[in-house]
PDB file of N, CA and C in Angstrom:
ATOM      1  N   GLU A   1      13.907 -29.854  12.630  1.00  0.00           N
ATOM      2  CA  GLU A   1      13.874 -29.391  11.505  1.00  0.00           C
ATOM      3  C   GLU A   1      13.801 -30.277  10.620  1.00  0.00           C
ATOM      4  N   VAL A   2      13.350 -29.971   9.558  1.00  0.00           N
ATOM      5  CA  VAL A   2      12.684 -31.149   8.902  1.00  0.00           C
ATOM      6  C   VAL A   2      13.996 -31.145   7.527  1.00  0.00           C
ATOM      7  N   GLN A   3      15.009 -32.018   7.280  1.00  0.00           N
ATOM      8  CA  GLN A   3      16.044 -31.951   6.391  1.00  0.00           C
ATOM      9  C   GLN A   3      15.794 -33.026   5.278  1.00  0.00           C
ATOM     10  N   LEU A   4      15.940 -33.064   4.259  1.00  0.00           N
ATOM     11  CA  LEU A   4      16.039 -34.509   3.154  1.00  0.00           C
ATOM     12  C   LEU A   4      16.831 -34.099   2.237  1.00  0.00           C
ATOM     13  N   VAL A   5      17.807 -35.065   1.785  1.00  0.00           N
ATOM     14  CA  VAL A   5      18.966 -34.842   1.396  1.00  0.00           C
ATOM     15  C   VAL A   5      18.805 -36.173   0.236  1.00  0.00           C
ATOM     16  N   GLU A   6      18.692 -35.402  -0.814  1.00  0.00           N
ATOM     17  CA  GLU A   6      18.502 -36.653  -1.902  1.00  0.00           C
ATOM     18  C   GLU A   6      19.862 -37.230  -2.867  1.00  0.00           C
ATOM     19  N   SER A   7      20.431 -38.338  -3.462  1.00  0.00           N
ATOM     20  CA  SER A   7      21.594 -38.424  -3.782  1.00  0.00           C
ATOM     21  C   SER A   7      21.007 -39.914  -4.477  1.00  0.00           C
ATOM     22  N   GLY A   8      21.987 -39.867  -5.560  1.00  0.00           N
ATOM     23  CA  GLY A   8      21.946 -41.414  -6.091  1.00  0.00           C
ATOM     24  C   GLY A   8      22.072 -40.937  -8.081  1.00  0.00           C
ATOM     25  N   GLY A   9      21.657 -39.514  -8.206  1.00  0.00           N
ATOM     26  CA  GLY A   9      21.751 -39.114  -9.755  1.00  0.00           C
ATOM     27  C   GLY A   9      22.634 -39.177 -10.585  1.00  0.00           C
ATOM     28  N   GLY A  10      22.607 -38.941 -11.685  1.00  0.00           N
ATOM     29  CA  GLY A  10      23.626 -39.203 -12.603  1.00  0.00           C
ATOM     30  C   GLY A  10      23.146 -39.166 -14.236  1.00  0.00           C
ATOM     31  N   LEU A  11      24.092 -39.400 -14.989  1.00  0.00           N
ATOM     32  CA  LEU A  11      24.062 -39.827 -16.593  1.00  0.00           C
ATOM     33  C   LEU A  11      23.493 -41.172 -16.514  1.00  0.00           C
ATOM     34  N   VAL A  12      22.957 -41.422 -17.136  1.00  0.00           N
ATOM     35  CA  VAL A  12      22.744 -43.191 -17.691  1.00  0.00           C
ATOM     36  C   VAL A  12      21.730 -43.319 -18.959  1.00  0.00           C
ATOM     37  N   GLN A  13      22.401 -44.095 -19.826  1.00  0.00           N
ATOM     38  CA  GLN A  13      21.989 -44.678 -20.882  1.00  0.00           C
ATOM     39  C   GLN A  13      20.400 -45.225 -21.155  1.00  0.00           C
ATOM     40  N   PRO A  14      19.901 -44.355 -21.889  1.00  0.00           N
ATOM     41  CA  PRO A  14      18.407 -45.365 -22.139  1.00  0.00           C
ATOM     42  C   PRO A  14      18.206 -47.060 -21.801  1.00  0.00           C
ATOM     43  N   GLY A  15      17.569 -47.332 -20.911  1.00  0.00           N
ATOM     44  CA  GLY A  15      17.756 -48.806 -20.306  1.00  0.00           C
ATOM     45  C   GLY A  15      18.427 -49.232 -19.194  1.00  0.00           C
ATOM     46  N   GLY A  16      19.219 -48.143 -19.084  1.00  0.00           N
ATOM     47  CA  GLY A  16      19.745 -48.262 -17.539  1.00  0.00           C
ATOM     48  C   GLY A  16      19.163 -47.987 -16.474  1.00  0.00           C
ATOM     49  N   SER A  17      19.941 -48.413 -15.678  1.00  0.00           N
ATOM     50  CA  SER A  17      18.810 -48.506 -14.188  1.00  0.00           C
ATOM     51  C   SER A  17      19.583 -47.200 -12.948  1.00  0.00           C
ATOM     52  N   LEU A  18      19.010 -46.600 -12.091  1.00  0.00           N
ATOM     53  CA  LEU A  18      19.829 -45.968 -11.373  1.00  0.00           C
ATOM     54  C   LEU A  18      18.664 -45.849  -9.876  1.00  0.00           C
ATOM     55  N   ARG A  19      19.171 -46.121  -8.757  1.00  0.00           N
ATOM     56  CA  ARG A  19      18.825 -46.021  -7.325  1.00  0.00           C
ATOM     57  C   ARG A  19      19.031 -44.926  -6.644  1.00  0.00           C
ATOM     58  N   LEU A  20      18.040 -44.293  -6.438  1.00  0.00           N
ATOM     59  CA  LEU A  20      17.640 -42.899  -5.571  1.00  0.00           C
ATOM     60  C   LEU A  20      17.801 -42.737  -4.152  1.00  0.00           C
ATOM     61  N   SER A  21      18.774 -42.254  -3.546  1.00  0.00           N
ATOM     62  CA  SER A  21      18.244 -42.059  -1.819  1.00  0.00           C
ATOM     63  C   SER A  21      17.557 -40.905  -1.282  1.00  0.00           C
ATOM     64  N   CYS A  22      17.428 -41.140   0.048  1.00  0.00           N
ATOM     65  CA  CYS A  22      16.727 -40.087   0.145  1.00  0.00           C
ATOM     66  C   CYS A  22      16.846 -39.867   1.849  1.00  0.00           C
ATOM     67  N   ALA A  23      18.116 -39.097   2.610  1.00  0.00           N
ATOM     68  CA  ALA A  23      18.243 -39.406   3.768  1.00  0.00           C
ATOM     69  C   ALA A  23      17.480 -37.644   4.909  1.00  0.00           C
ATOM     70  N   ALA A  24      16.454 -38.857   5.460  1.00  0.00           N
ATOM     71  CA  ALA A  24      15.490 -38.101   6.235  1.00  0.00           C
ATOM     72  C   ALA A  24      16.247 -37.942   7.820  1.00  0.00           C
ATOM     73  N   SER A  25      15.698 -36.786   8.257  1.00  0.00           N
ATOM     74  CA  SER A  25      15.842 -36.250   9.606  1.00  0.00           C
ATOM     75  C   SER A  25      15.081 -35.068  10.092  1.00  0.00           C
ATOM     76  N   GLY A  26      14.956 -34.474  11.606  1.00  0.00           N
ATOM     77  CA  GLY A  26      14.176 -33.965  12.046  1.00  0.00           C
ATOM     78  C   GLY A  26      12.963 -34.569  12.107  1.00  0.00           C
ATOM     79  N   PHE A  27      12.155 -35.175  11.971  1.00  0.00           N
ATOM     80  CA  PHE A  27      10.551 -35.510  12.177  1.00  0.00           C
ATOM     81  C   PHE A  27      11.007 -37.127  12.062  1.00  0.00           C
ATOM     82  N   SER A  28       9.599 -37.921  12.196  1.00  0.00           N
ATOM     83  CA  SER A  28       9.764 -39.635  13.041  1.00  0.00           C
ATOM     84  C   SER A  28       9.406 -40.087  11.482  1.00  0.00           C
ATOM     85  N   PHE A  29      10.135 -40.244  10.814  1.00  0.00           N
ATOM     86  CA  PHE A  29      10.082 -41.257   9.702  1.00  0.00           C
ATOM     87  C   PHE A  29       9.834 -42.237   9.708  1.00  0.00           C
ATOM     88  N   ARG A  30       9.462 -43.238  10.755  1.00  0.00           N
ATOM     89  CA  ARG A  30       8.750 -44.560  10.447  1.00  0.00           C
ATOM     90  C   ARG A  30       7.490 -44.200  10.918  1.00  0.00           C
ATOM     91  N   PHE A  31       7.011 -42.840  11.072  1.00  0.00           N
ATOM     92  CA  PHE A  31       5.769 -42.905  10.826  1.00  0.00           C
ATOM     93  C   PHE A  31       5.145 -42.124   9.943  1.00  0.00           C
ATOM     94  N   ALA A  32       6.198 -41.716   8.780  1.00  0.00           N
ATOM     95  CA  ALA A  32       5.965 -40.722   7.503  1.00  0.00           C
ATOM     96  C   ALA A  32       6.149 -41.420   6.409  1.00  0.00           C
ATOM     97  N   ASP A  33       4.366 -40.822   6.098  1.00  0.00           N
ATOM     98  CA  ASP A  33       4.279 -41.169   4.422  1.00  0.00           C
ATOM     99  C   ASP A  33       5.130 -40.188   3.874  1.00  0.00           C
ATOM    100  N   MET A  34       5.496 -40.930   2.457  1.00  0.00           N
ATOM    101  CA  MET A  34       6.869 -40.095   1.766  1.00  0.00           C
ATOM    102  C   MET A  34       6.455 -40.541   0.377  1.00  0.00           C
ATOM    103  N   SER A  35       6.950 -39.611  -0.806  1.00  0.00           N
ATOM    104  CA  SER A  35       6.592 -39.497  -1.860  1.00  0.00           C
ATOM    105  C   SER A  35       7.935 -39.242  -2.295  1.00  0.00           C
ATOM    106  N   TRP A  36       8.354 -39.630  -3.818  1.00  0.00           N
ATOM    107  CA  TRP A  36       9.206 -39.104  -5.042  1.00  0.00           C
ATOM    108  C   TRP A  36       8.183 -37.927  -5.937  1.00  0.00           C
ATOM    109  N   VAL A  37       8.932 -36.874  -6.141  1.00  0.00           N
ATOM    110  CA  VAL A  37       8.236 -36.086  -7.084  1.00  0.00           C
ATOM    111  C   VAL A  37       9.824 -35.623  -8.127  1.00  0.00           C
ATOM    112  N   ARG A  38       9.411 -35.112  -9.390  1.00  0.00           N
ATOM    113  CA  ARG A  38      10.190 -34.957 -10.538  1.00  0.00           C
ATOM    114  C   ARG A  38       9.739 -34.061 -11.066  1.00  0.00           C
ATOM    115  N   GLN A  39      10.957 -32.831 -11.884  1.00  0.00           N
ATOM    116  CA  GLN A  39      10.475 -31.731 -12.164  1.00  0.00           C
ATOM    117  C   GLN A  39      11.322 -31.979 -13.795  1.00  0.00           C
ATOM    118  N   ALA A  40      10.719 -32.042 -14.723  1.00  0.00           N
ATOM    119  CA  ALA A  40      11.596 -31.839 -16.020  1.00  0.00           C
ATOM    120  C   ALA A  40      11.734 -30.500 -16.553  1.00  0.00           C
ATOM    121  N   PRO A  41      12.880 -30.547 -17.358  1.00  0.00           N
ATOM    122  CA  PRO A  41      13.091 -29.252 -18.083  1.00  0.00           C
ATOM    123  C   PRO A  41      11.859 -28.261 -18.351  1.00  0.00           C
ATOM    124  N   GLY A  42      11.757 -27.513 -17.983  1.00  0.00           N
ATOM    125  CA  GLY A  42      10.971 -26.556 -18.645  1.00  0.00           C
ATOM    126  C   GLY A  42       9.267 -26.950 -18.150  1.00  0.00           C
ATOM    127  N   LYS A  43       9.426 -27.952 -17.131  1.00  0.00           N
ATOM    128  CA  LYS A  43       8.228 -28.432 -16.817  1.00  0.00           C
ATOM    129  C   LYS A  43       7.782 -28.601 -15.710  1.00  0.00           C
ATOM    130  N   GLY A  44       6.517 -28.425 -15.216  1.00  0.00           N
ATOM    131  CA  GLY A  44       6.448 -28.426 -13.641  1.00  0.00           C
ATOM    132  C   GLY A  44       6.324 -29.681 -12.820  1.00  0.00           C
ATOM    133  N   LEU A  45       5.978 -29.420 -11.580  1.00  0.00           N
ATOM    134  CA  LEU A  45       6.541 -31.068 -11.294  1.00  0.00           C
ATOM    135  C   LEU A  45       5.199 -32.200 -11.405  1.00  0.00           C
ATOM    136  N   GLU A  46       6.018 -33.043 -10.681  1.00  0.00           N
ATOM    137  CA  GLU A  46       5.412 -34.387 -11.346  1.00  0.00           C
ATOM    138  C   GLU A  46       5.287 -35.295  -9.948  1.00  0.00           C
ATOM    139  N   TRP A  47       4.037 -35.885  -9.284  1.00  0.00           N
ATOM    140  CA  TRP A  47       4.284 -37.170  -8.795  1.00  0.00           C
ATOM    141  C   TRP A  47       5.020 -38.103  -9.393  1.00  0.00           C
ATOM    142  N   VAL A  48       5.373 -38.686  -8.752  1.00  0.00           N
ATOM    143  CA  VAL A  48       6.202 -40.218  -9.426  1.00  0.00           C
ATOM    144  C   VAL A  48       5.509 -41.273  -8.655  1.00  0.00           C
ATOM    145  N   SER A  49       5.565 -40.914  -6.852  1.00  0.00           N
ATOM    146  CA  SER A  49       5.437 -42.434  -6.571  1.00  0.00           C
ATOM    147  C   SER A  49       5.261 -41.838  -4.871  1.00  0.00           C
ATOM    148  N   SER A  50       4.450 -43.013  -4.148  1.00  0.00           N
ATOM    149  CA  SER A  50       4.618 -42.662  -2.547  1.00  0.00           C
ATOM    150  C   SER A  50       4.358 -44.139  -2.064  1.00  0.00           C
ATOM    151  N   ILE A  51       4.163 -43.550  -0.664  1.00  0.00           N
ATOM    152  CA  ILE A  51       4.870 -44.914  -0.185  1.00  0.00           C
ATOM    153  C   ILE A  51       4.355 -44.587   1.715  1.00  0.00           C
ATOM    154  N   LYS A  52       3.467 -45.582   1.844  1.00  0.00           N
ATOM    155  CA  LYS A  52       2.546 -45.477   3.236  1.00  0.00           C
ATOM    156  C   LYS A  52       4.024 -45.774   4.501  1.00  0.00           C
ATOM    157  N   ALA A  53       3.723 -44.812   5.392  1.00  0.00           N
ATOM    158  CA  ALA A  53       4.667 -45.017   6.383  1.00  0.00           C
ATOM    159  C   ALA A  53       5.336 -46.612   6.759  1.00  0.00           C
ATOM    160  N   SER A  54       4.602 -47.471   6.995  1.00  0.00           N
ATOM    161  CA  SER A  54       5.015 -48.802   6.861  1.00  0.00           C
ATOM    162  C   SER A  54       5.895 -49.682   5.654  1.00  0.00           C
ATOM    163  N   GLY A  55       6.076 -48.994   5.062  1.00  0.00           N
ATOM    164  CA  GLY A  55       6.536 -49.165   3.458  1.00  0.00           C
ATOM    165  C   GLY A  55       5.768 -50.463   3.276  1.00  0.00           C
ATOM    166  N   ILE A  56       4.372 -50.661   3.566  1.00  0.00           N
ATOM    167  CA  ILE A  56       3.841 -51.831   2.862  1.00  0.00           C
ATOM    168  C   ILE A  56       3.091 -51.490   1.224  1.00  0.00           C
ATOM    169  N   SER A  57       2.258 -50.286   1.787  1.00  0.00           N
ATOM    170  CA  SER A  57       1.548 -49.984   0.547  1.00  0.00           C
ATOM    171  C   SER A  57       2.111 -48.886  -0.515  1.00  0.00           C
ATOM    172  N   THR A  58       2.406 -49.128  -1.718  1.00  0.00           N
ATOM    173  CA  THR A  58       2.938 -48.356  -2.439  1.00  0.00           C
ATOM    174  C   THR A  58       2.320 -47.702  -3.873  1.00  0.00           C
ATOM    175  N   THR A  59       2.060 -46.939  -4.676  1.00  0.00           N
ATOM    176  CA  THR A  59       1.277 -46.008  -5.341  1.00  0.00           C
ATOM    177  C   THR A  59       2.374 -45.819  -6.354  1.00  0.00           C
ATOM    178  N   TYR A  60       1.997 -45.752  -7.699  1.00  0.00           N
ATOM    179  CA  TYR A  60       2.668 -44.949  -8.779  1.00  0.00           C
ATOM    180  C   TYR A  60       2.348 -44.025 -10.164  1.00  0.00           C
ATOM    181  N   ALA A  61       3.057 -43.402 -10.517  1.00  0.00           N
ATOM    182  CA  ALA A  61       1.863 -42.988 -11.930  1.00  0.00           C
ATOM    183  C   ALA A  61       2.340 -43.487 -13.134  1.00  0.00           C
ATOM    184  N   ASP A  62       1.423 -43.941 -14.240  1.00  0.00           N
ATOM    185  CA  ASP A  62       1.485 -44.363 -14.625  1.00  0.00           C
ATOM    186  C   ASP A  62       2.413 -44.633 -15.764  1.00  0.00           C
ATOM    187  N   SER A  63       3.386 -43.312 -15.455  1.00  0.00           N
ATOM    188  CA  SER A  63       4.472 -43.309 -16.698  1.00  0.00           C
ATOM    189  C   SER A  63       5.930 -44.055 -16.033  1.00  0.00           C
ATOM    190  N   VAL A  64       5.167 -44.394 -14.469  1.00  0.00           N
ATOM    191  CA  VAL A  64       6.716 -45.200 -14.216  1.00  0.00           C
ATOM    192  C   VAL A  64       6.190 -46.486 -13.754  1.00  0.00           C
ATOM    193  N   LYS A  65       4.907 -46.633 -13.553  1.00  0.00           N
ATOM    194  CA  LYS A  65       4.538 -48.537 -13.419  1.00  0.00           C
ATOM    195  C   LYS A  65       5.658 -49.334 -13.885  1.00  0.00           C
ATOM    196  N   GLY A  66       5.788 -50.249 -12.931  1.00  0.00           N
ATOM    197  CA  GLY A  66       6.703 -51.074 -13.552  1.00  0.00           C
ATOM    198  C   GLY A  66       8.834 -51.548 -14.054  1.00  0.00           C
ATOM    199  N   ARG A  67       8.425 -49.756 -13.549  1.00  0.00           N
ATOM    200  CA  ARG A  67       9.653 -49.872 -13.893  1.00  0.00           C
ATOM    201  C   ARG A  67      10.580 -49.117 -12.785  1.00  0.00           C
ATOM    202  N   PHE A  68       9.554 -48.317 -11.963  1.00  0.00           N
ATOM    203  CA  PHE A  68       9.951 -47.908 -10.916  1.00  0.00           C
ATOM    204  C   PHE A  68       9.705 -48.851  -9.446  1.00  0.00           C
ATOM    205  N   THR A  69      10.590 -48.913  -8.720  1.00  0.00           N
ATOM    206  CA  THR A  69       9.848 -49.226  -7.190  1.00  0.00           C
ATOM    207  C   THR A  69      10.549 -48.571  -6.015  1.00  0.00           C
ATOM    208  N   ILE A  70       9.658 -47.909  -5.436  1.00  0.00           N
ATOM    209  CA  ILE A  70       9.724 -47.460  -3.928  1.00  0.00           C
ATOM    210  C   ILE A  70      10.231 -47.861  -2.650  1.00  0.00           C
ATOM    211  N   SER A  71      10.882 -47.579  -1.935  1.00  0.00           N
ATOM    212  CA  SER A  71      10.972 -48.255  -0.689  1.00  0.00           C
ATOM    213  C   SER A  71      11.276 -47.523   0.326  1.00  0.00           C
ATOM    214  N   LYS A  72      11.790 -47.850   1.961  1.00  0.00           N
ATOM    215  CA  LYS A  72      11.697 -47.048   2.568  1.00  0.00           C
ATOM    216  C   LYS A  72      12.269 -47.745   3.539  1.00  0.00           C
ATOM    217  N   ASP A  73      13.841 -47.729   4.614  1.00  0.00           N
ATOM    218  CA  ASP A  73      14.257 -48.166   5.491  1.00  0.00           C
ATOM    219  C   ASP A  73      13.678 -47.732   6.650  1.00  0.00           C
ATOM    220  N   ASN A  74      13.040 -47.746   7.364  1.00  0.00           N
ATOM    221  CA  ASN A  74      12.831 -47.093   9.122  1.00  0.00           C
ATOM    222  C   ASN A  74      13.627 -47.580   9.687  1.00  0.00           C
ATOM    223  N   ALA A  75      14.781 -48.313   9.691  1.00  0.00           N
ATOM    224  CA  ALA A  75      15.871 -48.461  10.507  1.00  0.00           C
ATOM    225  C   ALA A  75      16.634 -47.266   9.959  1.00  0.00           C
ATOM    226  N   LYS A  76      16.669 -46.577   8.833  1.00  0.00           N
ATOM    227  CA  LYS A  76      17.947 -46.071   8.747  1.00  0.00           C
ATOM    228  C   LYS A  76      17.695 -44.674   8.078  1.00  0.00           C
ATOM    229  N   ASN A  77      16.056 -44.583   8.832  1.00  0.00           N
ATOM    230  CA  ASN A  77      15.866 -43.075   8.089  1.00  0.00           C
ATOM    231  C   ASN A  77      15.862 -42.601   6.435  1.00  0.00           C
ATOM    232  N   THR A  78      16.151 -43.570   5.933  1.00  0.00           N
ATOM    233  CA  THR A  78      15.830 -43.616   3.996  1.00  0.00           C
ATOM    234  C   THR A  78      15.073 -43.791   3.666  1.00  0.00           C
ATOM    235  N   LEU A  79      15.097 -43.489   2.268  1.00  0.00           N
ATOM    236  CA  LEU A  79      13.698 -43.273   1.901  1.00  0.00           C
ATOM    237  C   LEU A  79      14.612 -43.962   0.295  1.00  0.00           C
ATOM    238  N   TYR A  80      13.710 -44.905  -0.583  1.00  0.00           N
ATOM    239  CA  TYR A  80      14.799 -44.961  -1.982  1.00  0.00           C
ATOM    240  C   TYR A  80      13.643 -45.110  -3.297  1.00  0.00           C
ATOM    241  N   LEU A  81      14.347 -45.044  -4.322  1.00  0.00           N
ATOM    242  CA  LEU A  81      13.657 -45.413  -5.427  1.00  0.00           C
ATOM    243  C   LEU A  81      14.498 -45.766  -6.661  1.00  0.00           C
ATOM    244  N   GLN A  82      14.395 -47.873  -6.926  1.00  0.00           N
ATOM    245  CA  GLN A  82      14.820 -48.253  -7.344  1.00  0.00           C
ATOM    246  C   GLN A  82      14.069 -47.749  -9.347  1.00  0.00           C
ATOM    247  N   MET A  83      15.073 -47.447 -10.075  1.00  0.00           N
ATOM    248  CA  MET A  83      14.497 -46.889 -11.108  1.00  0.00           C
ATOM    249  C   MET A  83      15.162 -47.697 -12.485  1.00  0.00           C
ATOM    250  N   ASN A  84      14.395 -48.839 -13.224  1.00  0.00           N
ATOM    251  CA  ASN A  84      14.847 -49.186 -14.099  1.00  0.00           C
ATOM    252  C   ASN A  84      14.522 -49.161 -15.645  1.00  0.00           C
ATOM    253  N   SER A  85      14.886 -49.825 -16.661  1.00  0.00           N
ATOM    254  CA  SER A  85      14.669 -49.627 -17.674  1.00  0.00           C
ATOM    255  C   SER A  85      14.294 -47.822 -18.274  1.00  0.00           C
ATOM    256  N   LEU A  86      14.994 -47.042 -18.145  1.00  0.00           N
ATOM    257  CA  LEU A  86      14.927 -45.581 -18.132  1.00  0.00           C
ATOM    258  C   LEU A  86      14.816 -44.920 -19.313  1.00  0.00           C
ATOM    259  N   LYS A  87      14.053 -44.217 -19.671  1.00  0.00           N
ATOM    260  CA  LYS A  87      13.755 -43.609 -20.503  1.00  0.00           C
ATOM    261  C   LYS A  87      14.323 -41.931 -20.996  1.00  0.00           C
ATOM    262  N   PRO A  88      14.526 -41.633 -21.972  1.00  0.00           N
ATOM    263  CA  PRO A  88      14.732 -40.132 -21.862  1.00  0.00           C
ATOM    264  C   PRO A  88      13.768 -39.249 -21.590  1.00  0.00           C
ATOM    265  N   ASP A  89      12.437 -39.685 -21.446  1.00  0.00           N
ATOM    266  CA  ASP A  89      11.585 -38.912 -20.956  1.00  0.00           C
ATOM    267  C   ASP A  89      11.675 -39.092 -19.038  1.00  0.00           C
ATOM    268  N   ASP A  90      12.328 -39.600 -18.827  1.00  0.00           N
ATOM    269  CA  ASP A  90      12.470 -39.650 -17.582  1.00  0.00           C
ATOM    270  C   ASP A  90      13.780 -39.074 -16.564  1.00  0.00           C
ATOM    271  N   THR A  91      13.943 -37.872 -17.886  1.00  0.00           N
ATOM    272  CA  THR A  91      15.389 -37.107 -17.098  1.00  0.00           C
ATOM    273  C   THR A  91      14.569 -35.620 -16.474  1.00  0.00           C
ATOM    274  N   ALA A  92      15.408 -35.544 -15.065  1.00  0.00           N
ATOM    275  CA  ALA A  92      14.483 -34.506 -14.328  1.00  0.00           C
ATOM    276  C   ALA A  92      14.968 -34.151 -13.406  1.00  0.00           C
ATOM    277  N   VAL A  93      14.730 -33.383 -12.357  1.00  0.00           N
ATOM    278  CA  VAL A  93      15.384 -33.268 -10.838  1.00  0.00           C
ATOM    279  C   VAL A  93      14.324 -34.237 -10.232  1.00  0.00           C
ATOM    280  N   TYR A  94      14.688 -35.118  -9.497  1.00  0.00           N
ATOM    281  CA  TYR A  94      14.123 -35.927  -8.678  1.00  0.00           C
ATOM    282  C   TYR A  94      14.036 -35.413  -7.466  1.00  0.00           C
ATOM    283  N   TYR A  95      12.747 -35.452  -6.306  1.00  0.00           N
ATOM    284  CA  TYR A  95      12.837 -34.313  -4.905  1.00  0.00           C
ATOM    285  C   TYR A  95      12.449 -35.694  -4.541  1.00  0.00           C
ATOM    286  N   CYS A  96      12.684 -35.904  -3.151  1.00  0.00           N
ATOM    287  CA  CYS A  96      11.963 -36.926  -2.000  1.00  0.00           C
ATOM    288  C   CYS A  96      10.773 -35.570  -1.528  1.00  0.00           C
ATOM    289  N   GLN A  97       9.621 -36.253  -1.284  1.00  0.00           N
ATOM    290  CA  GLN A  97       9.086 -35.245  -0.142  1.00  0.00           C
ATOM    291  C   GLN A  97       8.407 -35.457   0.860  1.00  0.00           C
ATOM    292  N   TYR A  98       8.180 -35.016   2.325  1.00  0.00           N
ATOM    293  CA  TYR A  98       7.592 -35.161   3.161  1.00  0.00           C
ATOM    294  C   TYR A  98       6.429 -34.107   3.376  1.00  0.00           C
ATOM    295  N   ALA A  99       5.392 -34.838   3.353  1.00  0.00           N
ATOM    296  CA  ALA A  99       4.341 -33.357   4.113  1.00  0.00           C
ATOM    297  C   ALA A  99       4.363 -32.510   2.500  1.00  0.00           C
ATOM    298  N   ILE A 100       4.696 -31.303   2.804  1.00  0.00           N
ATOM    299  CA  ILE A 100       4.969 -30.122   2.114  1.00  0.00           C
ATOM    300  C   ILE A 100       6.944 -29.861   1.614  1.00  0.00           C
ATOM    301  N   ARG A 101       7.207 -31.147   2.435  1.00  0.00           N
ATOM    302  CA  ARG A 101       8.735 -30.671   2.366  1.00  0.00           C
ATOM    303  C   ARG A 101       9.433 -31.020   1.148  1.00  0.00           C
ATOM    304  N   ARG A 102      10.652 -30.662   0.740  1.00  0.00           N
ATOM    305  CA  ARG A 102      11.347 -31.462  -0.329  1.00  0.00           C
ATOM    306  C   ARG A 102      12.754 -31.167  -0.162  1.00  0.00           C
ATOM    307  N   GLY A 103      13.692 -31.954  -0.488  1.00  0.00           N
ATOM    308  CA  GLY A 103      15.209 -31.616  -0.699  1.00  0.00           C
ATOM    309  C   GLY A 103      15.324 -30.825  -1.718  1.00  0.00           C
ATOM    310  N   GLN A 104      16.988 -31.038  -1.717  1.00  0.00           N
ATOM    311  CA  GLN A 104      17.439 -29.973  -2.826  1.00  0.00           C
ATOM    312  C   GLN A 104      17.275 -30.829  -4.369  1.00  0.00           C
ATOM    313  N   GLY A 105      17.010 -32.457  -4.099  1.00  0.00           N
ATOM    314  CA  GLY A 105      17.003 -32.711  -5.573  1.00  0.00           C
ATOM    315  C   GLY A 105      18.182 -33.456  -5.936  1.00  0.00           C
ATOM    316  N   THR A 106      17.747 -34.276  -6.888  1.00  0.00           N
ATOM    317  CA  THR A 106      18.991 -35.057  -7.317  1.00  0.00           C
ATOM    318  C   THR A 106      19.046 -35.322  -9.172  1.00  0.00           C
ATOM    319  N   GLN A 107      19.867 -35.003 -10.076  1.00  0.00           N
ATOM    320  CA  GLN A 107      19.658 -34.566 -11.011  1.00  0.00           C
ATOM    321  C   GLN A 107      19.585 -36.059 -11.815  1.00  0.00           C
ATOM    322  N   VAL A 108      18.808 -36.629 -12.738  1.00  0.00           N
ATOM    323  CA  VAL A 108      18.911 -37.376 -13.060  1.00  0.00           C
ATOM    324  C   VAL A 108      18.651 -37.340 -14.721  1.00  0.00           C
ATOM    325  N   THR A 109      19.632 -37.679 -15.732  1.00  0.00           N
ATOM    326  CA  THR A 109      19.754 -37.561 -17.029  1.00  0.00           C
ATOM    327  C   THR A 109      19.804 -38.966 -17.584  1.00  0.00           C
ATOM    328  N   VAL A 110      18.721 -39.548 -18.513  1.00  0.00           N
ATOM    329  CA  VAL A 110      18.915 -40.484 -19.588  1.00  0.00           C
ATOM    330  C   VAL A 110      19.248 -39.875 -21.082  1.00  0.00           C
ATOM    331  N   SER A 111      20.458 -40.585 -21.414  1.00  0.00           N
ATOM    332  CA  SER A 111      20.549 -40.142 -23.038  1.00  0.00           C
ATOM    333  C   SER A 111      21.446 -40.617 -23.530  1.00  0.00           C
ATOM    334  N   SER A 112      21.611 -41.046 -24.407  1.00  0.00           N
ATOM    335  CA  SER A 112      22.656 -41.629 -25.238  1.00  0.00           C
ATOM    336  C   SER A 112      23.836 -40.979 -25.653  1.00  0.00           C
TER     337      SER A 112
END
């Protein structure tokens, strides 16, 4: 059974940083392309970033490019999202995604 468990969210001031983690199990993580998506209050799901199985190739939404970094540790079966220079518009529930599966999400709130 595919399981994805996100953690690392919280309340942070504008300009601050957070690192999200996603512990994956139930599938071959080392061969998996992974993504982060988010859902802001009252809005639909928004793709944030993706990474290929090897961890070498990454892509980002324009809204986060230059501020967020996606990475994966295949030895630990864990996906990460380093978020810097956070803005209030980054407030959302963040989900890691494998194929059509998502975890329960972790709340990120950017506010002074």
